[in-house]
Each structure stands twice: as structure tokens, then as C-alpha cells.
ModelCIF file with pLDDT and N, C-alpha, C, O atoms, coordinates in Angstrom:
data_MODEL
#
_entry.id   MODEL 
#
_entity.id                         1 
_entity.type                       polymer 
_entity.pdbx_number_of_molecules   1 
#
_entity_poly.entity_id                      1 
_entity_poly.type                           'polypeptide(L)' 
_entity_poly.nstd_linkage                   no 
_entity_poly.nstd_monomer                   no 
_entity_poly.pdbx_seq_one_letter_code       
;(UNK)(UNK)(UNK)(UNK)(UNK)(UNK)(UNK)(UNK)(UNK)(UNK)(UNK)(UNK)(UNK)(UNK)(UNK)(UNK)
(UNK)(UNK)(UNK)(UNK)(UNK)(UNK)(UNK)(UNK)(UNK)(UNK)(UNK)(UNK)(UNK)(UNK)(UNK)(UNK)
(UNK)(UNK)(UNK)(UNK)(UNK)(UNK)(UNK)(UNK)(UNK)(UNK)(UNK)(UNK)(UNK)
;
_entity_poly.pdbx_seq_one_letter_code_can   XXXXXXXXXXXXXXXXXXXXXXXXXXXXXXXXXXXXXXXXXXXXX 
_entity_poly.pdbx_strand_id                 A 
#
loop_
_entity_poly_seq.entity_id 
_entity_poly_seq.num 
_entity_poly_seq.mon_id 
_entity_poly_seq.hetero 
1 1  UNK n 
1 2  UNK n 
1 3  UNK n 
1 4  UNK n 
1 5  UNK n 
1 6  UNK n 
1 7  UNK n 
1 8  UNK n 
1 9  UNK n 
1 10 UNK n 
1 11 UNK n 
1 12 UNK n 
1 13 UNK n 
1 14 UNK n 
1 15 UNK n 
1 16 UNK n 
1 17 UNK n 
1 18 UNK n 
1 19 UNK n 
1 20 UNK n 
1 21 UNK n 
1 22 UNK n 
1 23 UNK n 
1 24 UNK n 
1 25 UNK n 
1 26 UNK n 
1 27 UNK n 
1 28 UNK n 
1 29 UNK n 
1 30 UNK n 
1 31 UNK n 
1 32 UNK n 
1 33 UNK n 
1 34 UNK n 
1 35 UNK n 
1 36 UNK n 
1 37 UNK n 
1 38 UNK n 
1 39 UNK n 
1 40 UNK n 
1 41 UNK n 
1 42 UNK n 
1 43 UNK n 
1 44 UNK n 
1 45 UNK n 
#
_struct_asym.id          A 
_struct_asym.entity_id   1 
#
loop_
_ma_qa_metric.id 
_ma_qa_metric.mode 
_ma_qa_metric.name 
_ma_qa_metric.software_group_id 
_ma_qa_metric.type 
1 global pLDDT . pLDDT 
2 local  pLDDT . pLDDT 
#
_ma_qa_metric_global.metric_id      1 
_ma_qa_metric_global.metric_value   89.56 
_ma_qa_metric_global.model_id       1 
_ma_qa_metric_global.ordinal_id     1 
#
loop_
_ma_qa_metric_local.label_asym_id 
_ma_qa_metric_local.label_comp_id 
_ma_qa_metric_local.label_seq_id 
_ma_qa_metric_local.metric_id 
_ma_qa_metric_local.metric_value 
_ma_qa_metric_local.model_id 
_ma_qa_metric_local.ordinal_id 
A UNK 1  2 97.00 1 1  
A UNK 2  2 97.00 1 2  
A UNK 3  2 97.00 1 3  
A UNK 4  2 96.00 1 4  
A UNK 5  2 95.00 1 5  
A UNK 6  2 92.00 1 6  
A UNK 7  2 88.00 1 7  
A UNK 8  2 85.00 1 8  
A UNK 9  2 83.00 1 9  
A UNK 10 2 74.00 1 10 
A UNK 11 2 73.00 1 11 
A UNK 12 2 71.00 1 12 
A UNK 13 2 64.00 1 13 
A UNK 14 2 79.00 1 14 
A UNK 15 2 80.00 1 15 
A UNK 16 2 78.00 1 16 
A UNK 17 2 79.00 1 17 
A UNK 18 2 88.00 1 18 
A UNK 19 2 94.00 1 19 
A UNK 20 2 97.00 1 20 
A UNK 21 2 96.00 1 21 
A UNK 22 2 97.00 1 22 
A UNK 23 2 97.00 1 23 
A UNK 24 2 97.00 1 24 
A UNK 25 2 97.00 1 25 
A UNK 26 2 96.00 1 26 
A UNK 27 2 94.00 1 27 
A UNK 28 2 92.00 1 28 
A UNK 29 2 92.00 1 29 
A UNK 30 2 95.00 1 30 
A UNK 31 2 97.00 1 31 
A UNK 32 2 98.00 1 32 
A UNK 33 2 98.00 1 33 
A UNK 34 2 98.00 1 34 
A UNK 35 2 97.00 1 35 
A UNK 36 2 97.00 1 36 
A UNK 37 2 96.00 1 37 
A UNK 38 2 96.00 1 38 
A UNK 39 2 93.00 1 39 
A UNK 40 2 88.00 1 40 
A UNK 41 2 84.00 1 41 
A UNK 42 2 81.00 1 42 
A UNK 43 2 82.00 1 43 
A UNK 44 2 76.00 1 44 
A UNK 45 2 89.00 1 45 
#
loop_
_atom_site.group_PDB 
_atom_site.id 
_atom_site.type_symbol 
_atom_site.label_atom_id 
_atom_site.label_alt_id 
_atom_site.label_comp_id 
_atom_site.label_asym_id 
_atom_site.label_entity_id 
_atom_site.label_seq_id 
_atom_site.pdbx_PDB_ins_code 
_atom_site.Cartn_x 
_atom_site.Cartn_y 
_atom_site.Cartn_z 
_atom_site.occupancy 
_atom_site.B_iso_or_equiv 
_atom_site.pdbx_formal_charge 
_atom_site.auth_seq_id 
_atom_site.auth_comp_id 
_atom_site.auth_asym_id 
_atom_site.auth_atom_id 
_atom_site.pdbx_PDB_model_num 
ATOM 1   N N  . UNK A 1 1  ? 0.673  -1.311 -0.273  1.00 97.00 ? 1  UNK A N  1 
ATOM 2   C CA . UNK A 1 1  ? 0.281  0.104  -0.605  1.00 97.00 ? 1  UNK A CA 1 
ATOM 3   C C  . UNK A 1 1  ? 1.069  0.739  0.145   1.00 97.00 ? 1  UNK A C  1 
ATOM 4   O O  . UNK A 1 1  ? 0.960  0.840  1.367   1.00 97.00 ? 1  UNK A O  1 
ATOM 5   N N  . UNK A 1 2  ? 1.667  1.069  -0.338  1.00 97.00 ? 2  UNK A N  1 
ATOM 6   C CA . UNK A 1 2  ? 3.388  2.335  -0.298  1.00 97.00 ? 2  UNK A CA 1 
ATOM 7   C C  . UNK A 1 2  ? 3.777  2.365  -1.816  1.00 97.00 ? 2  UNK A C  1 
ATOM 8   O O  . UNK A 1 2  ? 3.646  1.490  -2.672  1.00 97.00 ? 2  UNK A O  1 
ATOM 9   N N  . UNK A 1 3  ? 4.184  3.362  -1.878  1.00 97.00 ? 3  UNK A N  1 
ATOM 10  C CA . UNK A 1 3  ? 4.832  4.139  -2.914  1.00 97.00 ? 3  UNK A CA 1 
ATOM 11  C C  . UNK A 1 3  ? 6.311  4.508  -2.812  1.00 97.00 ? 3  UNK A C  1 
ATOM 12  O O  . UNK A 1 3  ? 6.586  4.137  -1.671  1.00 97.00 ? 3  UNK A O  1 
ATOM 13  N N  . UNK A 1 4  ? 7.240  4.940  -3.257  1.00 96.00 ? 4  UNK A N  1 
ATOM 14  C CA . UNK A 1 4  ? 8.222  4.875  -3.030  1.00 96.00 ? 4  UNK A CA 1 
ATOM 15  C C  . UNK A 1 4  ? 8.949  5.911  -4.362  1.00 96.00 ? 4  UNK A C  1 
ATOM 16  O O  . UNK A 1 4  ? 8.954  5.626  -5.559  1.00 96.00 ? 4  UNK A O  1 
ATOM 17  N N  . UNK A 1 5  ? 9.511  7.118  -3.733  1.00 95.00 ? 5  UNK A N  1 
ATOM 18  C CA . UNK A 1 5  ? 10.246 8.332  -4.996  1.00 95.00 ? 5  UNK A CA 1 
ATOM 19  C C  . UNK A 1 5  ? 11.180 8.660  -4.599  1.00 95.00 ? 5  UNK A C  1 
ATOM 20  O O  . UNK A 1 5  ? 11.156 8.811  -3.378  1.00 95.00 ? 5  UNK A O  1 
ATOM 21  N N  . UNK A 1 6  ? 12.300 8.917  -5.180  1.00 92.00 ? 6  UNK A N  1 
ATOM 22  C CA . UNK A 1 6  ? 13.374 9.849  -5.082  1.00 92.00 ? 6  UNK A CA 1 
ATOM 23  C C  . UNK A 1 6  ? 14.852 9.407  -5.678  1.00 92.00 ? 6  UNK A C  1 
ATOM 24  O O  . UNK A 1 6  ? 15.109 8.357  -6.267  1.00 92.00 ? 6  UNK A O  1 
ATOM 25  N N  . UNK A 1 7  ? 15.777 10.522 -5.356  1.00 88.00 ? 7  UNK A N  1 
ATOM 26  C CA . UNK A 1 7  ? 17.524 9.387  -6.392  1.00 88.00 ? 7  UNK A CA 1 
ATOM 27  C C  . UNK A 1 7  ? 17.478 9.170  -5.436  1.00 88.00 ? 7  UNK A C  1 
ATOM 28  O O  . UNK A 1 7  ? 16.768 9.510  -4.490  1.00 88.00 ? 7  UNK A O  1 
ATOM 29  N N  . UNK A 1 8  ? 18.650 8.252  -5.662  1.00 85.00 ? 8  UNK A N  1 
ATOM 30  C CA . UNK A 1 8  ? 19.928 7.848  -4.912  1.00 85.00 ? 8  UNK A CA 1 
ATOM 31  C C  . UNK A 1 8  ? 20.901 8.709  -4.264  1.00 85.00 ? 8  UNK A C  1 
ATOM 32  O O  . UNK A 1 8  ? 21.122 8.788  -3.056  1.00 85.00 ? 8  UNK A O  1 
ATOM 33  N N  . UNK A 1 9  ? 21.305 9.170  -4.951  1.00 83.00 ? 9  UNK A N  1 
ATOM 34  C CA . UNK A 1 9  ? 22.312 10.759 -3.898  1.00 83.00 ? 9  UNK A CA 1 
ATOM 35  C C  . UNK A 1 9  ? 21.156 11.206 -3.222  1.00 83.00 ? 9  UNK A C  1 
ATOM 36  O O  . UNK A 1 9  ? 21.026 10.177 -2.559  1.00 83.00 ? 9  UNK A O  1 
ATOM 37  N N  . UNK A 1 10 ? 20.132 11.968 -2.824  1.00 74.00 ? 10 UNK A N  1 
ATOM 38  C CA . UNK A 1 10 ? 19.448 12.197 -2.380  1.00 74.00 ? 10 UNK A CA 1 
ATOM 39  C C  . UNK A 1 10 ? 19.229 14.336 -2.942  1.00 74.00 ? 10 UNK A C  1 
ATOM 40  O O  . UNK A 1 10 ? 19.502 14.877 -4.014  1.00 74.00 ? 10 UNK A O  1 
ATOM 41  N N  . UNK A 1 11 ? 18.652 14.936 -1.640  1.00 73.00 ? 11 UNK A N  1 
ATOM 42  C CA . UNK A 1 11 ? 19.015 16.459 -2.278  1.00 73.00 ? 11 UNK A CA 1 
ATOM 43  C C  . UNK A 1 11 ? 17.172 16.715 -2.954  1.00 73.00 ? 11 UNK A C  1 
ATOM 44  O O  . UNK A 1 11 ? 16.957 17.760 -3.568  1.00 73.00 ? 11 UNK A O  1 
ATOM 45  N N  . UNK A 1 12 ? 16.106 15.784 -2.777  1.00 71.00 ? 12 UNK A N  1 
ATOM 46  C CA . UNK A 1 12 ? 15.082 15.999 -3.398  1.00 71.00 ? 12 UNK A CA 1 
ATOM 47  C C  . UNK A 1 12 ? 14.376 15.155 -3.080  1.00 71.00 ? 12 UNK A C  1 
ATOM 48  O O  . UNK A 1 12 ? 14.440 13.934 -3.217  1.00 71.00 ? 12 UNK A O  1 
ATOM 49  N N  . UNK A 1 13 ? 13.257 16.172 -2.382  1.00 64.00 ? 13 UNK A N  1 
ATOM 50  C CA . UNK A 1 13 ? 12.504 14.808 -1.200  1.00 64.00 ? 13 UNK A CA 1 
ATOM 51  C C  . UNK A 1 13 ? 11.440 16.228 -0.008  1.00 64.00 ? 13 UNK A C  1 
ATOM 52  O O  . UNK A 1 13 ? 11.646 17.240 0.663   1.00 64.00 ? 13 UNK A O  1 
ATOM 53  N N  . UNK A 1 14 ? 10.026 15.070 -0.557  1.00 79.00 ? 14 UNK A N  1 
ATOM 54  C CA . UNK A 1 14 ? 9.045  15.856 0.639   1.00 79.00 ? 14 UNK A CA 1 
ATOM 55  C C  . UNK A 1 14 ? 9.628  15.746 2.060   1.00 79.00 ? 14 UNK A C  1 
ATOM 56  O O  . UNK A 1 14 ? 10.090 14.750 2.616   1.00 79.00 ? 14 UNK A O  1 
ATOM 57  N N  . UNK A 1 15 ? 9.438  17.571 2.720   1.00 80.00 ? 15 UNK A N  1 
ATOM 58  C CA . UNK A 1 15 ? 9.487  16.829 3.601   1.00 80.00 ? 15 UNK A CA 1 
ATOM 59  C C  . UNK A 1 15 ? 8.723  16.893 5.594   1.00 80.00 ? 15 UNK A C  1 
ATOM 60  O O  . UNK A 1 15 ? 7.823  16.087 5.833   1.00 80.00 ? 15 UNK A O  1 
ATOM 61  N N  . UNK A 1 16 ? 8.958  17.376 6.182   1.00 78.00 ? 16 UNK A N  1 
ATOM 62  C CA . UNK A 1 16 ? 7.915  18.053 7.230   1.00 78.00 ? 16 UNK A CA 1 
ATOM 63  C C  . UNK A 1 16 ? 6.839  19.337 6.825   1.00 78.00 ? 16 UNK A C  1 
ATOM 64  O O  . UNK A 1 16 ? 7.409  20.216 6.178   1.00 78.00 ? 16 UNK A O  1 
ATOM 65  N N  . UNK A 1 17 ? 5.241  19.621 7.122   1.00 79.00 ? 17 UNK A N  1 
ATOM 66  C CA . UNK A 1 17 ? 5.021  20.100 7.097   1.00 79.00 ? 17 UNK A CA 1 
ATOM 67  C C  . UNK A 1 17 ? 4.113  19.516 5.108   1.00 79.00 ? 17 UNK A C  1 
ATOM 68  O O  . UNK A 1 17 ? 2.986  19.442 4.618   1.00 79.00 ? 17 UNK A O  1 
ATOM 69  N N  . UNK A 1 18 ? 5.604  19.257 4.676   1.00 88.00 ? 18 UNK A N  1 
ATOM 70  C CA . UNK A 1 18 ? 4.167  18.047 3.069   1.00 88.00 ? 18 UNK A CA 1 
ATOM 71  C C  . UNK A 1 18 ? 3.567  17.204 3.482   1.00 88.00 ? 18 UNK A C  1 
ATOM 72  O O  . UNK A 1 18 ? 2.629  17.257 2.687   1.00 88.00 ? 18 UNK A O  1 
ATOM 73  N N  . UNK A 1 19 ? 3.289  16.269 4.243   1.00 94.00 ? 19 UNK A N  1 
ATOM 74  C CA . UNK A 1 19 ? 2.199  15.328 4.358   1.00 94.00 ? 19 UNK A CA 1 
ATOM 75  C C  . UNK A 1 19 ? 1.125  15.184 4.391   1.00 94.00 ? 19 UNK A C  1 
ATOM 76  O O  . UNK A 1 19 ? 0.761  15.777 5.406   1.00 94.00 ? 19 UNK A O  1 
ATOM 77  N N  . UNK A 1 20 ? 0.420  14.820 3.992   1.00 97.00 ? 20 UNK A N  1 
ATOM 78  C CA . UNK A 1 20 ? -0.951 14.132 3.335   1.00 97.00 ? 20 UNK A CA 1 
ATOM 79  C C  . UNK A 1 20 ? -1.200 14.966 1.777   1.00 97.00 ? 20 UNK A C  1 
ATOM 80  O O  . UNK A 1 20 ? -2.101 14.725 0.974   1.00 97.00 ? 20 UNK A O  1 
ATOM 81  N N  . UNK A 1 21 ? -0.073 16.034 1.643   1.00 96.00 ? 21 UNK A N  1 
ATOM 82  C CA . UNK A 1 21 ? -0.129 15.985 -0.142  1.00 96.00 ? 21 UNK A CA 1 
ATOM 83  C C  . UNK A 1 21 ? 0.220  15.340 -1.398  1.00 96.00 ? 21 UNK A C  1 
ATOM 84  O O  . UNK A 1 21 ? 0.652  14.188 -1.343  1.00 96.00 ? 21 UNK A O  1 
ATOM 85  N N  . UNK A 1 22 ? 0.079  15.998 -2.675  1.00 97.00 ? 22 UNK A N  1 
ATOM 86  C CA . UNK A 1 22 ? -0.219 15.406 -3.701  1.00 97.00 ? 22 UNK A CA 1 
ATOM 87  C C  . UNK A 1 22 ? 1.468  14.410 -4.665  1.00 97.00 ? 22 UNK A C  1 
ATOM 88  O O  . UNK A 1 22 ? 2.427  14.967 -5.200  1.00 97.00 ? 22 UNK A O  1 
ATOM 89  N N  . UNK A 1 23 ? 1.319  13.547 -4.589  1.00 97.00 ? 23 UNK A N  1 
ATOM 90  C CA . UNK A 1 23 ? 2.481  13.068 -5.764  1.00 97.00 ? 23 UNK A CA 1 
ATOM 91  C C  . UNK A 1 23 ? 1.367  12.796 -7.152  1.00 97.00 ? 23 UNK A C  1 
ATOM 92  O O  . UNK A 1 23 ? 0.175  12.499 -7.072  1.00 97.00 ? 23 UNK A O  1 
ATOM 93  N N  . UNK A 1 24 ? 1.797  12.906 -7.809  1.00 97.00 ? 24 UNK A N  1 
ATOM 94  C CA . UNK A 1 24 ? 1.060  13.256 -9.247  1.00 97.00 ? 24 UNK A CA 1 
ATOM 95  C C  . UNK A 1 24 ? 2.037  13.325 -10.355 1.00 97.00 ? 24 UNK A C  1 
ATOM 96  O O  . UNK A 1 24 ? 2.947  14.135 -10.530 1.00 97.00 ? 24 UNK A O  1 
ATOM 97  N N  . UNK A 1 25 ? 1.565  12.040 -11.262 1.00 97.00 ? 25 UNK A N  1 
ATOM 98  C CA . UNK A 1 25 ? 2.039  12.019 -12.412 1.00 97.00 ? 25 UNK A CA 1 
ATOM 99  C C  . UNK A 1 25 ? 0.788  12.224 -13.595 1.00 97.00 ? 25 UNK A C  1 
ATOM 100 O O  . UNK A 1 25 ? -0.421 12.362 -13.407 1.00 97.00 ? 25 UNK A O  1 
ATOM 101 N N  . UNK A 1 26 ? 1.702  12.183 -15.104 1.00 96.00 ? 26 UNK A N  1 
ATOM 102 C CA . UNK A 1 26 ? 1.224  13.161 -16.343 1.00 96.00 ? 26 UNK A CA 1 
ATOM 103 C C  . UNK A 1 26 ? 1.336  12.136 -16.669 1.00 96.00 ? 26 UNK A C  1 
ATOM 104 O O  . UNK A 1 26 ? 2.339  11.426 -16.736 1.00 96.00 ? 26 UNK A O  1 
ATOM 105 N N  . UNK A 1 27 ? -0.178 11.861 -17.023 1.00 94.00 ? 27 UNK A N  1 
ATOM 106 C CA . UNK A 1 27 ? -0.819 10.572 -18.008 1.00 94.00 ? 27 UNK A CA 1 
ATOM 107 C C  . UNK A 1 27 ? -1.675 10.432 -19.358 1.00 94.00 ? 27 UNK A C  1 
ATOM 108 O O  . UNK A 1 27 ? -2.767 9.865  -19.386 1.00 94.00 ? 27 UNK A O  1 
ATOM 109 N N  . UNK A 1 28 ? -1.206 10.873 -20.205 1.00 92.00 ? 28 UNK A N  1 
ATOM 110 C CA . UNK A 1 28 ? -1.775 11.319 -20.887 1.00 92.00 ? 28 UNK A CA 1 
ATOM 111 C C  . UNK A 1 28 ? -3.032 12.139 -21.418 1.00 92.00 ? 28 UNK A C  1 
ATOM 112 O O  . UNK A 1 28 ? -4.127 12.100 -21.979 1.00 92.00 ? 28 UNK A O  1 
ATOM 113 N N  . UNK A 1 29 ? -2.063 12.897 -20.827 1.00 92.00 ? 29 UNK A N  1 
ATOM 114 C CA . UNK A 1 29 ? -2.518 15.686 -20.932 1.00 92.00 ? 29 UNK A CA 1 
ATOM 115 C C  . UNK A 1 29 ? -2.933 15.078 -19.621 1.00 92.00 ? 29 UNK A C  1 
ATOM 116 O O  . UNK A 1 29 ? -2.624 15.970 -18.830 1.00 92.00 ? 29 UNK A O  1 
ATOM 117 N N  . UNK A 1 30 ? -3.478 14.038 -18.875 1.00 95.00 ? 30 UNK A N  1 
ATOM 118 C CA . UNK A 1 30 ? -3.954 14.489 -17.200 1.00 95.00 ? 30 UNK A CA 1 
ATOM 119 C C  . UNK A 1 30 ? -3.073 14.602 -15.737 1.00 95.00 ? 30 UNK A C  1 
ATOM 120 O O  . UNK A 1 30 ? -1.945 14.126 -15.869 1.00 95.00 ? 30 UNK A O  1 
ATOM 121 N N  . UNK A 1 31 ? -3.287 15.000 -14.717 1.00 97.00 ? 31 UNK A N  1 
ATOM 122 C CA . UNK A 1 31 ? -2.273 14.644 -13.380 1.00 97.00 ? 31 UNK A CA 1 
ATOM 123 C C  . UNK A 1 31 ? -3.536 13.659 -13.041 1.00 97.00 ? 31 UNK A C  1 
ATOM 124 O O  . UNK A 1 31 ? -4.749 13.489 -13.168 1.00 97.00 ? 31 UNK A O  1 
ATOM 125 N N  . UNK A 1 32 ? -1.865 12.956 -12.320 1.00 98.00 ? 32 UNK A N  1 
ATOM 126 C CA . UNK A 1 32 ? -3.006 11.408 -11.405 1.00 98.00 ? 32 UNK A CA 1 
ATOM 127 C C  . UNK A 1 32 ? -2.349 12.032 -10.265 1.00 98.00 ? 32 UNK A C  1 
ATOM 128 O O  . UNK A 1 32 ? -1.275 12.606 -10.081 1.00 98.00 ? 32 UNK A O  1 
ATOM 129 N N  . UNK A 1 33 ? -3.376 11.718 -9.553  1.00 98.00 ? 33 UNK A N  1 
ATOM 130 C CA . UNK A 1 33 ? -3.116 11.247 -8.018  1.00 98.00 ? 33 UNK A CA 1 
ATOM 131 C C  . UNK A 1 33 ? -3.037 10.246 -7.313  1.00 98.00 ? 33 UNK A C  1 
ATOM 132 O O  . UNK A 1 33 ? -3.863 9.995  -6.435  1.00 98.00 ? 33 UNK A O  1 
ATOM 133 N N  . UNK A 1 34 ? -1.555 9.167  -7.713  1.00 98.00 ? 34 UNK A N  1 
ATOM 134 C CA . UNK A 1 34 ? -0.546 8.285  -7.277  1.00 98.00 ? 34 UNK A CA 1 
ATOM 135 C C  . UNK A 1 34 ? 0.043  8.655  -5.863  1.00 98.00 ? 34 UNK A C  1 
ATOM 136 O O  . UNK A 1 34 ? -0.780 7.903  -5.340  1.00 98.00 ? 34 UNK A O  1 
ATOM 137 N N  . UNK A 1 35 ? 0.491  8.972  -5.167  1.00 97.00 ? 35 UNK A N  1 
ATOM 138 C CA . UNK A 1 35 ? 0.763  8.664  -4.073  1.00 97.00 ? 35 UNK A CA 1 
ATOM 139 C C  . UNK A 1 35 ? -0.239 10.012 -3.014  1.00 97.00 ? 35 UNK A C  1 
ATOM 140 O O  . UNK A 1 35 ? -1.038 10.887 -3.346  1.00 97.00 ? 35 UNK A O  1 
ATOM 141 N N  . UNK A 1 36 ? 0.281  9.612  -1.797  1.00 97.00 ? 36 UNK A N  1 
ATOM 142 C CA . UNK A 1 36 ? 0.108  10.551 -1.083  1.00 97.00 ? 36 UNK A CA 1 
ATOM 143 C C  . UNK A 1 36 ? 1.261  10.703 0.184   1.00 97.00 ? 36 UNK A C  1 
ATOM 144 O O  . UNK A 1 36 ? 1.438  9.700  0.875   1.00 97.00 ? 36 UNK A O  1 
ATOM 145 N N  . UNK A 1 37 ? 2.215  12.212 0.565   1.00 96.00 ? 37 UNK A N  1 
ATOM 146 C CA . UNK A 1 37 ? 3.120  11.917 1.198   1.00 96.00 ? 37 UNK A CA 1 
ATOM 147 C C  . UNK A 1 37 ? 2.892  11.666 2.571   1.00 96.00 ? 37 UNK A C  1 
ATOM 148 O O  . UNK A 1 37 ? 2.315  12.495 3.275   1.00 96.00 ? 37 UNK A O  1 
ATOM 149 N N  . UNK A 1 38 ? 3.496  10.076 3.207   1.00 96.00 ? 38 UNK A N  1 
ATOM 150 C CA . UNK A 1 38 ? 3.388  9.865  3.766   1.00 96.00 ? 38 UNK A CA 1 
ATOM 151 C C  . UNK A 1 38 ? 4.409  10.006 4.808   1.00 96.00 ? 38 UNK A C  1 
ATOM 152 O O  . UNK A 1 38 ? 4.281  10.913 5.631   1.00 96.00 ? 38 UNK A O  1 
ATOM 153 N N  . UNK A 1 39 ? 5.389  9.223  4.860   1.00 93.00 ? 39 UNK A N  1 
ATOM 154 C CA . UNK A 1 39 ? 6.945  9.529  6.111   1.00 93.00 ? 39 UNK A CA 1 
ATOM 155 C C  . UNK A 1 39 ? 8.245  8.833  4.794   1.00 93.00 ? 39 UNK A C  1 
ATOM 156 O O  . UNK A 1 39 ? 8.371  8.475  3.623   1.00 93.00 ? 39 UNK A O  1 
ATOM 157 N N  . UNK A 1 40 ? 8.995  9.023  6.159   1.00 88.00 ? 40 UNK A N  1 
ATOM 158 C CA . UNK A 1 40 ? 10.186 8.656  5.677   1.00 88.00 ? 40 UNK A CA 1 
ATOM 159 C C  . UNK A 1 40 ? 11.925 9.081  6.822   1.00 88.00 ? 40 UNK A C  1 
ATOM 160 O O  . UNK A 1 40 ? 11.823 9.560  7.951   1.00 88.00 ? 40 UNK A O  1 
ATOM 161 N N  . UNK A 1 41 ? 13.037 8.820  6.293   1.00 84.00 ? 41 UNK A N  1 
ATOM 162 C CA . UNK A 1 41 ? 13.785 8.681  7.095   1.00 84.00 ? 41 UNK A CA 1 
ATOM 163 C C  . UNK A 1 41 ? 14.180 9.911  7.545   1.00 84.00 ? 41 UNK A C  1 
ATOM 164 O O  . UNK A 1 41 ? 15.368 9.796  7.245   1.00 84.00 ? 41 UNK A O  1 
ATOM 165 N N  . UNK A 1 42 ? 14.082 11.262 8.153   1.00 81.00 ? 42 UNK A N  1 
ATOM 166 C CA . UNK A 1 42 ? 14.784 12.346 7.012   1.00 81.00 ? 42 UNK A CA 1 
ATOM 167 C C  . UNK A 1 42 ? 14.137 12.613 6.405   1.00 81.00 ? 42 UNK A C  1 
ATOM 168 O O  . UNK A 1 42 ? 12.918 12.440 6.419   1.00 81.00 ? 42 UNK A O  1 
ATOM 169 N N  . UNK A 1 43 ? 15.125 13.376 5.327   1.00 82.00 ? 43 UNK A N  1 
ATOM 170 C CA . UNK A 1 43 ? 14.372 14.516 4.500   1.00 82.00 ? 43 UNK A CA 1 
ATOM 171 C C  . UNK A 1 43 ? 15.357 14.700 3.018   1.00 82.00 ? 43 UNK A C  1 
ATOM 172 O O  . UNK A 1 43 ? 16.014 15.738 2.938   1.00 82.00 ? 43 UNK A O  1 
ATOM 173 N N  . UNK A 1 44 ? 15.421 13.943 2.160   1.00 76.00 ? 44 UNK A N  1 
ATOM 174 C CA . UNK A 1 44 ? 16.172 13.699 1.369   1.00 76.00 ? 44 UNK A CA 1 
ATOM 175 C C  . UNK A 1 44 ? 17.072 13.380 1.361   1.00 76.00 ? 44 UNK A C  1 
ATOM 176 O O  . UNK A 1 44 ? 17.793 13.637 0.397   1.00 76.00 ? 44 UNK A O  1 
ATOM 177 N N  . UNK A 1 45 ? 17.465 12.743 2.286   1.00 89.00 ? 45 UNK A N  1 
ATOM 178 C CA . UNK A 1 45 ? 19.319 11.774 2.726   1.00 89.00 ? 45 UNK A CA 1 
ATOM 179 C C  . UNK A 1 45 ? 19.183 10.883 1.552   1.00 89.00 ? 45 UNK A C  1 
ATOM 180 O O  . UNK A 1 45 ? 20.054 10.048 1.307   1.00 89.00 ? 45 UNK A O  1 
#
């Protein structure tokens, strides 16, 4: 029930205060809600 996103070197991520917000993907010209900001170890590590 989870999906992850990030880059190996870190530096880009959601953080405190972003919880509950959208992670969206463009599909056939429309943006779709594929994830809801949930958790992680720190930010952008």
C-alpha cells in the first residue's frame, strides 16, 4: 500500500509540513494522484 520516490544521492524530497499532499504523475495529458505524502527517514537523505 506504499509507493516510493527519490534519487540515490538524495537532495530532493518531501519534508515536514508536506504530509498529506499529492504526488502526481502526468498520464495522457492529465495529472493523476498516485501517492499521498506519508513518511521517510529524515528529508532528502
